[in-house]
Amino acid sequence: MNSKRSKSWIFPVLCAVLSLIGAGCVSTSPASWNLNLIKETPASIDVDIVGVQPSDEAHLKEMKPDDWWAAPPNDLVRRGYQDMSLTSNFQAGDQWVVSRDNPIWKKWINAGVTQIMVIANLPRVHDNTPTDPRRKFLKLSKGTWKDVSKQTLEIHVQDDRVRVITAMQAGK
C-alpha cells in the first residue's frame, strides 16, 4: 500500500518537468539575424538600424521620427544612438544586407539589446505618433519568427512605410 502512494507523485512531477522543458525550447534570448532590406521606392532613402536595449525601448517608441531625422546640430536623438546604429543610403543600390556575422551583432548582444529599430527617412508627411510607419521594432528572439532556419529577417522600405515581410509566430 505504501508503494502505491510513494509512486503516485511520479506522474504529476514528470508532466511538470516535461512541460517546463517544452516551454524552454522556444528561445526568448536574443539571436543574431541576417537582415535583408529591400528598397521598393524610387526615392533616395536613408535607413538606420538601431540596437534597442530594454531601458531605451519606451523612449524610442514615443520619439517622433522627425526628431530622429532632424538636421545637424538638432539631431541629438540620432547622435545619442550612433554607437548602436548602422546607417545606409539607398542611392547606390536597391538592397542592403547586414550579415549575422557583422561585428555589430556582438556589440548589440553584449549590450543586452533585445530588439532592433529600423527607421527610414521617407519623403512623405507622416503623423509622428508611436505608430508612425517609418519605424518598425523587431524582436531578436527566435521564438518570435516563424521560419528561423535561414535566420533572415526581410524588411522592405516602401514609399510610405517600413514593412516587415518575415512572418511572425501567432501571438507575438
N, C-alpha and C. Protein backbone atom coordinates (compact mmCIF):
# COMPACT_ATOMS: atom_id res chain seq x y z
N MET A 1 0.82 -1.20 0.00
CA MET A 1 0.00 0.00 0.00
C MET A 1 0.86 1.26 0.00
N ASN A 2 1.94 1.24 0.76
CA ASN A 2 2.85 2.37 0.78
C ASN A 2 3.52 2.57 -0.56
N SER A 3 3.78 1.48 -1.28
CA SER A 3 4.46 1.60 -2.57
C SER A 3 3.57 2.32 -3.59
N LYS A 4 2.25 2.13 -3.55
CA LYS A 4 1.35 2.84 -4.46
C LYS A 4 1.36 4.33 -4.17
N ARG A 5 1.31 4.69 -2.89
CA ARG A 5 1.32 6.09 -2.51
C ARG A 5 2.66 6.74 -2.84
N SER A 6 3.72 6.06 -2.65
CA SER A 6 5.03 6.65 -2.88
C SER A 6 5.30 6.84 -4.37
N LYS A 7 4.65 6.06 -5.24
CA LYS A 7 4.85 6.21 -6.68
C LYS A 7 3.81 7.13 -7.31
N SER A 8 2.77 7.50 -6.61
CA SER A 8 1.70 8.30 -7.19
C SER A 8 2.15 9.71 -7.54
N TRP A 9 3.21 10.18 -7.00
CA TRP A 9 3.71 11.53 -7.28
C TRP A 9 4.54 11.58 -8.56
N ILE A 10 4.99 10.45 -9.06
CA ILE A 10 5.90 10.42 -10.21
C ILE A 10 5.25 11.00 -11.46
N PHE A 11 4.02 10.60 -11.77
CA PHE A 11 3.37 11.07 -12.99
C PHE A 11 3.18 12.60 -13.01
N PRO A 12 2.62 13.21 -11.95
CA PRO A 12 2.46 14.67 -11.97
C PRO A 12 3.80 15.41 -12.07
N VAL A 13 4.81 14.92 -11.38
CA VAL A 13 6.13 15.57 -11.43
C VAL A 13 6.72 15.43 -12.83
N LEU A 14 6.59 14.24 -13.41
CA LEU A 14 7.09 14.02 -14.77
C LEU A 14 6.40 14.95 -15.77
N CYS A 15 5.10 15.11 -15.66
CA CYS A 15 4.35 16.02 -16.54
C CYS A 15 4.83 17.46 -16.35
N ALA A 16 5.04 17.88 -15.12
CA ALA A 16 5.50 19.25 -14.87
C ALA A 16 6.88 19.48 -15.48
N VAL A 17 7.78 18.53 -15.32
CA VAL A 17 9.14 18.66 -15.86
C VAL A 17 9.10 18.71 -17.38
N LEU A 18 8.31 17.84 -18.01
CA LEU A 18 8.21 17.83 -19.47
C LEU A 18 7.62 19.14 -20.01
N SER A 19 6.65 19.71 -19.31
CA SER A 19 6.07 20.97 -19.78
C SER A 19 7.08 22.11 -19.65
N LEU A 20 7.90 22.08 -18.61
CA LEU A 20 8.94 23.10 -18.47
C LEU A 20 10.00 22.97 -19.55
N ILE A 21 10.36 21.75 -19.88
CA ILE A 21 11.34 21.51 -20.94
C ILE A 21 10.78 21.97 -22.28
N GLY A 22 9.52 21.64 -22.54
CA GLY A 22 8.88 22.05 -23.80
C GLY A 22 8.78 23.56 -23.92
N ALA A 23 8.49 24.24 -22.83
CA ALA A 23 8.40 25.70 -22.86
C ALA A 23 9.76 26.32 -23.09
N GLY A 24 10.81 25.67 -22.64
CA GLY A 24 12.16 26.19 -22.81
C GLY A 24 12.70 26.01 -24.20
N CYS A 25 12.04 25.24 -25.04
CA CYS A 25 12.53 25.01 -26.40
C CYS A 25 12.40 26.23 -27.28
N VAL A 26 11.47 27.12 -26.98
CA VAL A 26 11.33 28.34 -27.75
C VAL A 26 12.17 29.41 -27.05
N SER A 27 13.26 29.77 -27.68
CA SER A 27 14.20 30.69 -27.07
C SER A 27 13.64 32.11 -27.01
N THR A 28 13.79 32.74 -25.86
CA THR A 28 13.42 34.14 -25.73
C THR A 28 14.66 35.02 -25.67
N SER A 29 15.84 34.42 -25.66
CA SER A 29 17.06 35.22 -25.64
C SER A 29 17.35 35.73 -27.05
N PRO A 30 17.97 36.92 -27.15
CA PRO A 30 18.22 37.49 -28.47
C PRO A 30 19.21 36.67 -29.29
N ALA A 31 19.03 36.70 -30.60
CA ALA A 31 19.90 35.99 -31.52
C ALA A 31 20.31 36.93 -32.64
N SER A 32 21.42 36.61 -33.29
CA SER A 32 21.87 37.36 -34.46
C SER A 32 21.09 36.90 -35.68
N TRP A 33 20.77 37.82 -36.57
CA TRP A 33 19.99 37.53 -37.76
C TRP A 33 20.68 38.11 -38.99
N ASN A 34 20.42 37.54 -40.14
CA ASN A 34 20.75 38.19 -41.40
C ASN A 34 19.61 39.16 -41.65
N LEU A 35 19.93 40.40 -41.89
CA LEU A 35 18.91 41.40 -42.20
C LEU A 35 18.99 41.71 -43.68
N ASN A 36 17.89 41.56 -44.36
CA ASN A 36 17.82 41.81 -45.80
C ASN A 36 16.82 42.94 -46.03
N LEU A 37 17.33 44.14 -46.28
CA LEU A 37 16.48 45.29 -46.52
C LEU A 37 16.42 45.56 -48.01
N ILE A 38 15.21 45.68 -48.52
CA ILE A 38 15.00 45.90 -49.95
C ILE A 38 14.24 47.22 -50.13
N LYS A 39 14.77 48.07 -50.97
CA LYS A 39 14.14 49.36 -51.26
C LYS A 39 13.14 49.18 -52.38
N GLU A 40 11.90 49.58 -52.14
CA GLU A 40 10.84 49.47 -53.14
C GLU A 40 10.29 50.84 -53.49
N THR A 41 11.14 51.84 -53.45
CA THR A 41 10.74 53.19 -53.79
C THR A 41 11.83 53.82 -54.66
N PRO A 42 11.46 54.66 -55.62
CA PRO A 42 12.49 55.28 -56.46
C PRO A 42 13.26 56.38 -55.73
N ALA A 43 12.74 56.85 -54.61
CA ALA A 43 13.39 57.92 -53.87
C ALA A 43 14.69 57.44 -53.23
N SER A 44 15.60 58.36 -53.05
CA SER A 44 16.82 58.09 -52.28
C SER A 44 16.44 58.08 -50.81
N ILE A 45 16.78 57.01 -50.10
CA ILE A 45 16.31 56.82 -48.73
C ILE A 45 17.48 56.54 -47.79
N ASP A 46 17.51 57.25 -46.65
CA ASP A 46 18.43 56.92 -45.56
C ASP A 46 17.68 56.00 -44.60
N VAL A 47 18.36 54.94 -44.17
CA VAL A 47 17.77 53.98 -43.24
C VAL A 47 18.78 53.71 -42.13
N ASP A 48 18.31 53.70 -40.90
CA ASP A 48 19.13 53.33 -39.75
C ASP A 48 18.58 52.05 -39.14
N ILE A 49 19.48 51.21 -38.68
CA ILE A 49 19.13 50.04 -37.88
C ILE A 49 19.78 50.27 -36.53
N VAL A 50 18.97 50.27 -35.48
CA VAL A 50 19.44 50.65 -34.15
C VAL A 50 19.21 49.50 -33.18
N GLY A 51 20.24 49.11 -32.45
CA GLY A 51 20.09 48.13 -31.39
C GLY A 51 19.38 48.77 -30.21
N VAL A 52 18.30 48.14 -29.74
CA VAL A 52 17.47 48.72 -28.68
C VAL A 52 17.58 47.88 -27.41
N GLN A 53 18.08 48.52 -26.36
CA GLN A 53 18.12 47.89 -25.05
C GLN A 53 16.77 48.10 -24.37
N PRO A 54 16.38 47.20 -23.47
CA PRO A 54 15.07 47.35 -22.81
C PRO A 54 14.88 48.72 -22.15
N SER A 55 15.94 49.29 -21.61
CA SER A 55 15.82 50.59 -20.94
C SER A 55 15.54 51.74 -21.91
N ASP A 56 15.81 51.55 -23.19
CA ASP A 56 15.58 52.60 -24.19
C ASP A 56 14.31 52.39 -25.01
N GLU A 57 13.66 51.26 -24.85
CA GLU A 57 12.52 50.91 -25.70
C GLU A 57 11.41 51.94 -25.64
N ALA A 58 10.95 52.32 -24.46
CA ALA A 58 9.84 53.26 -24.34
C ALA A 58 10.20 54.60 -24.96
N HIS A 59 11.41 55.07 -24.71
CA HIS A 59 11.85 56.36 -25.27
C HIS A 59 11.82 56.34 -26.79
N LEU A 60 12.35 55.28 -27.39
CA LEU A 60 12.41 55.21 -28.85
C LEU A 60 11.03 55.01 -29.48
N LYS A 61 10.13 54.34 -28.79
CA LYS A 61 8.77 54.16 -29.32
C LYS A 61 7.96 55.44 -29.24
N GLU A 62 8.22 56.28 -28.26
CA GLU A 62 7.50 57.54 -28.11
C GLU A 62 8.15 58.67 -28.91
N MET A 63 9.39 58.50 -29.31
CA MET A 63 10.12 59.53 -30.04
C MET A 63 9.46 59.83 -31.38
N LYS A 64 9.47 61.09 -31.76
CA LYS A 64 8.95 61.47 -33.07
C LYS A 64 10.02 61.16 -34.12
N PRO A 65 9.69 60.41 -35.16
CA PRO A 65 10.68 60.14 -36.20
C PRO A 65 11.28 61.41 -36.82
N ASP A 66 10.51 62.49 -36.86
CA ASP A 66 11.08 63.75 -37.36
C ASP A 66 12.23 64.22 -36.47
N ASP A 67 12.16 63.95 -35.16
CA ASP A 67 13.27 64.31 -34.26
C ASP A 67 14.50 63.47 -34.56
N TRP A 68 14.29 62.20 -34.92
CA TRP A 68 15.41 61.33 -35.27
C TRP A 68 16.14 61.87 -36.50
N TRP A 69 15.38 62.31 -37.49
CA TRP A 69 15.94 62.75 -38.76
C TRP A 69 16.21 64.26 -38.81
N ALA A 70 16.18 64.93 -37.68
CA ALA A 70 16.45 66.37 -37.65
C ALA A 70 17.85 66.64 -38.20
N ALA A 71 17.99 67.78 -38.86
CA ALA A 71 19.29 68.16 -39.44
C ALA A 71 20.25 68.57 -38.32
N PRO A 72 21.55 68.30 -38.50
CA PRO A 72 22.53 68.75 -37.51
C PRO A 72 22.46 70.27 -37.35
N PRO A 73 22.65 70.82 -36.23
CA PRO A 73 23.05 70.19 -34.96
C PRO A 73 21.87 69.72 -34.11
N ASN A 74 20.66 69.70 -34.67
CA ASN A 74 19.47 69.32 -33.91
C ASN A 74 19.19 67.82 -33.89
N ASP A 75 20.09 67.03 -34.42
CA ASP A 75 19.90 65.58 -34.49
C ASP A 75 20.41 64.87 -33.23
N LEU A 76 20.09 65.43 -32.07
CA LEU A 76 20.61 64.92 -30.80
C LEU A 76 20.18 63.48 -30.52
N VAL A 77 18.94 63.14 -30.84
CA VAL A 77 18.46 61.78 -30.56
C VAL A 77 19.26 60.78 -31.39
N ARG A 78 19.38 61.03 -32.66
CA ARG A 78 20.09 60.11 -33.56
C ARG A 78 21.56 59.99 -33.14
N ARG A 79 22.20 61.12 -32.86
CA ARG A 79 23.61 61.08 -32.44
C ARG A 79 23.79 60.31 -31.13
N GLY A 80 22.78 60.36 -30.27
CA GLY A 80 22.85 59.65 -28.99
C GLY A 80 22.91 58.14 -29.14
N TYR A 81 22.49 57.62 -30.28
CA TYR A 81 22.49 56.18 -30.53
C TYR A 81 23.49 55.79 -31.62
N GLN A 82 24.36 56.69 -32.00
CA GLN A 82 25.30 56.45 -33.09
C GLN A 82 26.16 55.21 -32.85
N ASP A 83 26.54 54.96 -31.61
CA ASP A 83 27.39 53.80 -31.31
C ASP A 83 26.63 52.48 -31.38
N MET A 84 25.30 52.53 -31.45
CA MET A 84 24.48 51.31 -31.50
C MET A 84 23.73 51.20 -32.83
N SER A 85 24.20 51.96 -33.85
CA SER A 85 23.45 52.05 -35.12
C SER A 85 24.29 51.67 -36.33
N LEU A 86 23.60 51.23 -37.36
CA LEU A 86 24.15 51.08 -38.71
C LEU A 86 23.31 51.98 -39.60
N THR A 87 23.95 52.61 -40.59
CA THR A 87 23.25 53.53 -41.48
C THR A 87 23.54 53.16 -42.92
N SER A 88 22.52 53.27 -43.76
CA SER A 88 22.71 53.06 -45.19
C SER A 88 21.94 54.13 -45.96
N ASN A 89 22.51 54.52 -47.08
CA ASN A 89 21.84 55.40 -48.01
C ASN A 89 21.57 54.57 -49.24
N PHE A 90 20.32 54.41 -49.58
CA PHE A 90 19.93 53.53 -50.68
C PHE A 90 20.10 54.15 -52.06
N GLN A 91 20.92 55.18 -52.20
CA GLN A 91 21.17 55.74 -53.52
C GLN A 91 21.99 54.79 -54.38
N ALA A 92 22.90 54.08 -53.78
CA ALA A 92 23.84 53.24 -54.53
C ALA A 92 23.23 51.91 -54.97
N GLY A 93 22.21 51.45 -54.31
CA GLY A 93 21.65 50.14 -54.66
C GLY A 93 20.26 49.97 -54.10
N ASP A 94 19.66 48.86 -54.45
CA ASP A 94 18.30 48.61 -54.02
C ASP A 94 18.20 47.60 -52.89
N GLN A 95 19.33 47.12 -52.39
CA GLN A 95 19.31 46.11 -51.34
C GLN A 95 20.45 46.38 -50.36
N TRP A 96 20.17 46.15 -49.08
CA TRP A 96 21.18 46.29 -48.03
C TRP A 96 21.10 45.03 -47.19
N VAL A 97 22.20 44.30 -47.13
CA VAL A 97 22.25 43.07 -46.35
C VAL A 97 23.22 43.27 -45.19
N VAL A 98 22.73 42.99 -44.00
CA VAL A 98 23.57 43.00 -42.80
C VAL A 98 23.67 41.55 -42.35
N SER A 99 24.84 40.98 -42.52
CA SER A 99 25.06 39.58 -42.20
C SER A 99 25.02 39.35 -40.69
N ARG A 100 24.59 38.17 -40.29
CA ARG A 100 24.59 37.84 -38.85
C ARG A 100 26.01 37.71 -38.32
N ASP A 101 27.02 37.75 -39.22
CA ASP A 101 28.42 37.73 -38.82
C ASP A 101 29.00 39.13 -38.66
N ASN A 102 28.19 40.15 -38.96
CA ASN A 102 28.65 41.53 -38.83
C ASN A 102 29.01 41.80 -37.36
N PRO A 103 30.13 42.47 -37.10
CA PRO A 103 30.55 42.74 -35.71
C PRO A 103 29.53 43.51 -34.88
N ILE A 104 28.60 44.22 -35.51
CA ILE A 104 27.59 44.97 -34.74
C ILE A 104 26.74 44.02 -33.89
N TRP A 105 26.52 42.78 -34.36
CA TRP A 105 25.70 41.84 -33.60
C TRP A 105 26.34 41.51 -32.26
N LYS A 106 27.64 41.30 -32.26
CA LYS A 106 28.34 41.01 -30.99
C LYS A 106 28.19 42.19 -30.03
N LYS A 107 28.33 43.38 -30.58
CA LYS A 107 28.19 44.59 -29.76
C LYS A 107 26.77 44.68 -29.19
N TRP A 108 25.77 44.45 -30.05
CA TRP A 108 24.39 44.53 -29.60
C TRP A 108 24.07 43.48 -28.55
N ILE A 109 24.45 42.23 -28.81
CA ILE A 109 24.15 41.15 -27.86
C ILE A 109 24.84 41.40 -26.53
N ASN A 110 26.11 41.81 -26.57
CA ASN A 110 26.86 42.09 -25.33
C ASN A 110 26.27 43.26 -24.56
N ALA A 111 25.61 44.18 -25.24
CA ALA A 111 25.00 45.34 -24.59
C ALA A 111 23.58 45.05 -24.08
N GLY A 112 23.09 43.86 -24.32
CA GLY A 112 21.76 43.49 -23.83
C GLY A 112 20.62 43.91 -24.75
N VAL A 113 20.93 44.16 -26.01
CA VAL A 113 19.90 44.54 -26.98
C VAL A 113 18.93 43.37 -27.16
N THR A 114 17.64 43.64 -27.12
CA THR A 114 16.62 42.61 -27.28
C THR A 114 15.80 42.78 -28.56
N GLN A 115 15.95 43.94 -29.21
CA GLN A 115 15.25 44.18 -30.46
C GLN A 115 16.01 45.25 -31.24
N ILE A 116 15.62 45.39 -32.50
CA ILE A 116 16.20 46.44 -33.31
C ILE A 116 15.07 47.36 -33.79
N MET A 117 15.45 48.60 -34.04
CA MET A 117 14.53 49.55 -34.64
C MET A 117 15.05 49.83 -36.04
N VAL A 118 14.19 49.66 -37.04
CA VAL A 118 14.50 50.04 -38.41
C VAL A 118 13.72 51.31 -38.67
N ILE A 119 14.43 52.39 -39.00
CA ILE A 119 13.77 53.67 -39.21
C ILE A 119 14.26 54.28 -40.51
N ALA A 120 13.32 54.72 -41.34
CA ALA A 120 13.63 55.25 -42.67
C ALA A 120 13.21 56.71 -42.77
N ASN A 121 14.02 57.49 -43.44
CA ASN A 121 13.72 58.90 -43.68
C ASN A 121 12.94 59.01 -44.99
N LEU A 122 11.66 58.74 -44.90
CA LEU A 122 10.81 58.71 -46.09
C LEU A 122 10.30 60.11 -46.43
N PRO A 123 10.13 60.40 -47.72
CA PRO A 123 9.81 61.75 -48.16
C PRO A 123 8.39 62.24 -47.86
N ARG A 124 7.46 61.37 -47.65
CA ARG A 124 6.07 61.78 -47.42
C ARG A 124 5.88 62.34 -46.01
N VAL A 125 4.81 63.06 -45.81
CA VAL A 125 4.47 63.60 -44.49
C VAL A 125 3.84 62.48 -43.67
N HIS A 126 4.28 62.36 -42.43
CA HIS A 126 3.74 61.33 -41.54
C HIS A 126 3.29 61.97 -40.24
N ASP A 127 2.65 61.18 -39.38
CA ASP A 127 2.00 61.74 -38.20
C ASP A 127 2.86 61.84 -36.94
N ASN A 128 4.07 61.30 -36.94
CA ASN A 128 4.98 61.40 -35.79
C ASN A 128 4.43 60.78 -34.51
N THR A 129 3.52 59.84 -34.62
CA THR A 129 2.97 59.17 -33.44
C THR A 129 3.78 57.89 -33.18
N PRO A 130 3.53 57.20 -32.07
CA PRO A 130 4.23 55.94 -31.81
C PRO A 130 3.99 54.87 -32.89
N THR A 131 2.93 55.00 -33.68
CA THR A 131 2.67 54.02 -34.74
C THR A 131 3.11 54.53 -36.11
N ASP A 132 3.91 55.58 -36.14
CA ASP A 132 4.40 56.14 -37.41
C ASP A 132 5.02 55.02 -38.24
N PRO A 133 4.59 54.83 -39.49
CA PRO A 133 5.05 53.69 -40.29
C PRO A 133 6.49 53.79 -40.80
N ARG A 134 7.17 54.87 -40.51
CA ARG A 134 8.58 54.99 -40.90
C ARG A 134 9.50 54.19 -40.00
N ARG A 135 8.95 53.65 -38.93
CA ARG A 135 9.77 52.95 -37.94
C ARG A 135 9.10 51.64 -37.56
N LYS A 136 9.94 50.58 -37.46
CA LYS A 136 9.47 49.27 -37.01
C LYS A 136 10.44 48.73 -35.96
N PHE A 137 9.89 48.04 -34.98
CA PHE A 137 10.69 47.37 -33.96
C PHE A 137 10.59 45.88 -34.18
N LEU A 138 11.73 45.21 -34.22
CA LEU A 138 11.77 43.76 -34.45
C LEU A 138 12.46 43.09 -33.27
N LYS A 139 11.74 42.18 -32.61
CA LYS A 139 12.32 41.40 -31.52
C LYS A 139 13.35 40.45 -32.09
N LEU A 140 14.40 40.20 -31.35
CA LEU A 140 15.50 39.37 -31.83
C LEU A 140 15.44 37.93 -31.36
N SER A 141 14.42 37.55 -30.60
CA SER A 141 14.33 36.17 -30.13
C SER A 141 13.82 35.26 -31.25
N LYS A 142 14.37 34.07 -31.32
CA LYS A 142 13.97 33.12 -32.37
C LYS A 142 12.51 32.71 -32.23
N GLY A 143 11.99 32.71 -31.03
CA GLY A 143 10.60 32.33 -30.81
C GLY A 143 9.60 33.32 -31.40
N THR A 144 10.08 34.48 -31.84
CA THR A 144 9.20 35.50 -32.40
C THR A 144 8.84 35.21 -33.85
N TRP A 145 9.74 34.54 -34.58
CA TRP A 145 9.62 34.42 -36.04
C TRP A 145 9.32 32.99 -36.45
N LYS A 146 8.53 32.83 -37.53
CA LYS A 146 8.11 31.50 -38.00
C LYS A 146 9.26 30.69 -38.58
N ASP A 147 9.94 31.21 -39.58
CA ASP A 147 10.99 30.45 -40.26
C ASP A 147 12.36 30.90 -39.78
N VAL A 148 12.89 30.19 -38.79
CA VAL A 148 14.20 30.57 -38.25
C VAL A 148 15.34 29.81 -38.91
N SER A 149 15.03 28.89 -39.82
CA SER A 149 16.07 28.06 -40.42
C SER A 149 17.08 28.89 -41.21
N LYS A 150 16.64 29.94 -41.89
CA LYS A 150 17.54 30.79 -42.67
C LYS A 150 18.14 31.90 -41.82
N GLN A 151 17.60 32.11 -40.64
CA GLN A 151 18.00 33.19 -39.74
C GLN A 151 18.07 34.52 -40.48
N THR A 152 17.04 34.78 -41.29
CA THR A 152 16.98 36.01 -42.07
C THR A 152 15.66 36.73 -41.82
N LEU A 153 15.76 38.01 -41.57
CA LEU A 153 14.58 38.86 -41.46
C LEU A 153 14.56 39.76 -42.69
N GLU A 154 13.47 39.72 -43.43
CA GLU A 154 13.34 40.53 -44.64
C GLU A 154 12.47 41.74 -44.35
N ILE A 155 13.00 42.91 -44.72
CA ILE A 155 12.33 44.18 -44.47
C ILE A 155 12.29 44.96 -45.78
N HIS A 156 11.13 45.48 -46.15
CA HIS A 156 11.01 46.28 -47.36
C HIS A 156 10.80 47.75 -46.97
N VAL A 157 11.54 48.63 -47.62
CA VAL A 157 11.37 50.07 -47.44
C VAL A 157 10.57 50.57 -48.62
N GLN A 158 9.34 50.98 -48.33
CA GLN A 158 8.41 51.39 -49.38
C GLN A 158 8.23 52.91 -49.35
N ASP A 159 7.46 53.43 -50.29
CA ASP A 159 7.23 54.88 -50.36
C ASP A 159 6.70 55.46 -49.06
N ASP A 160 5.83 54.71 -48.40
CA ASP A 160 5.13 55.26 -47.25
C ASP A 160 5.40 54.56 -45.92
N ARG A 161 6.24 53.52 -45.93
CA ARG A 161 6.44 52.79 -44.68
C ARG A 161 7.62 51.82 -44.75
N VAL A 162 7.99 51.34 -43.57
CA VAL A 162 8.90 50.21 -43.43
C VAL A 162 8.00 49.00 -43.19
N ARG A 163 8.17 47.95 -43.98
CA ARG A 163 7.28 46.77 -43.88
C ARG A 163 8.11 45.52 -43.62
N VAL A 164 7.77 44.81 -42.57
CA VAL A 164 8.44 43.55 -42.23
C VAL A 164 7.75 42.43 -42.99
N ILE A 165 8.52 41.69 -43.81
CA ILE A 165 7.98 40.64 -44.65
C ILE A 165 8.02 39.28 -43.94
N THR A 166 9.04 39.05 -43.17
CA THR A 166 9.19 37.77 -42.46
C THR A 166 7.99 37.58 -41.51
N ALA A 167 7.40 36.42 -41.58
CA ALA A 167 6.20 36.13 -40.77
C ALA A 167 6.56 35.91 -39.31
N MET A 168 5.69 36.45 -38.45
CA MET A 168 5.85 36.26 -37.00
C MET A 168 5.02 35.06 -36.55
N GLN A 169 5.43 34.47 -35.42
CA GLN A 169 4.64 33.43 -34.79
C GLN A 169 3.32 34.05 -34.33
N ALA A 170 2.29 33.27 -34.28
CA ALA A 170 0.99 33.76 -33.80
C ALA A 170 1.12 34.24 -32.36
N GLY A 171 0.52 35.37 -32.06
CA GLY A 171 0.51 35.91 -30.70
C GLY A 171 1.76 36.63 -30.29
N LYS A 172 2.67 36.91 -31.21
CA LYS A 172 3.94 37.59 -30.86
C LYS A 172 3.87 39.07 -31.14
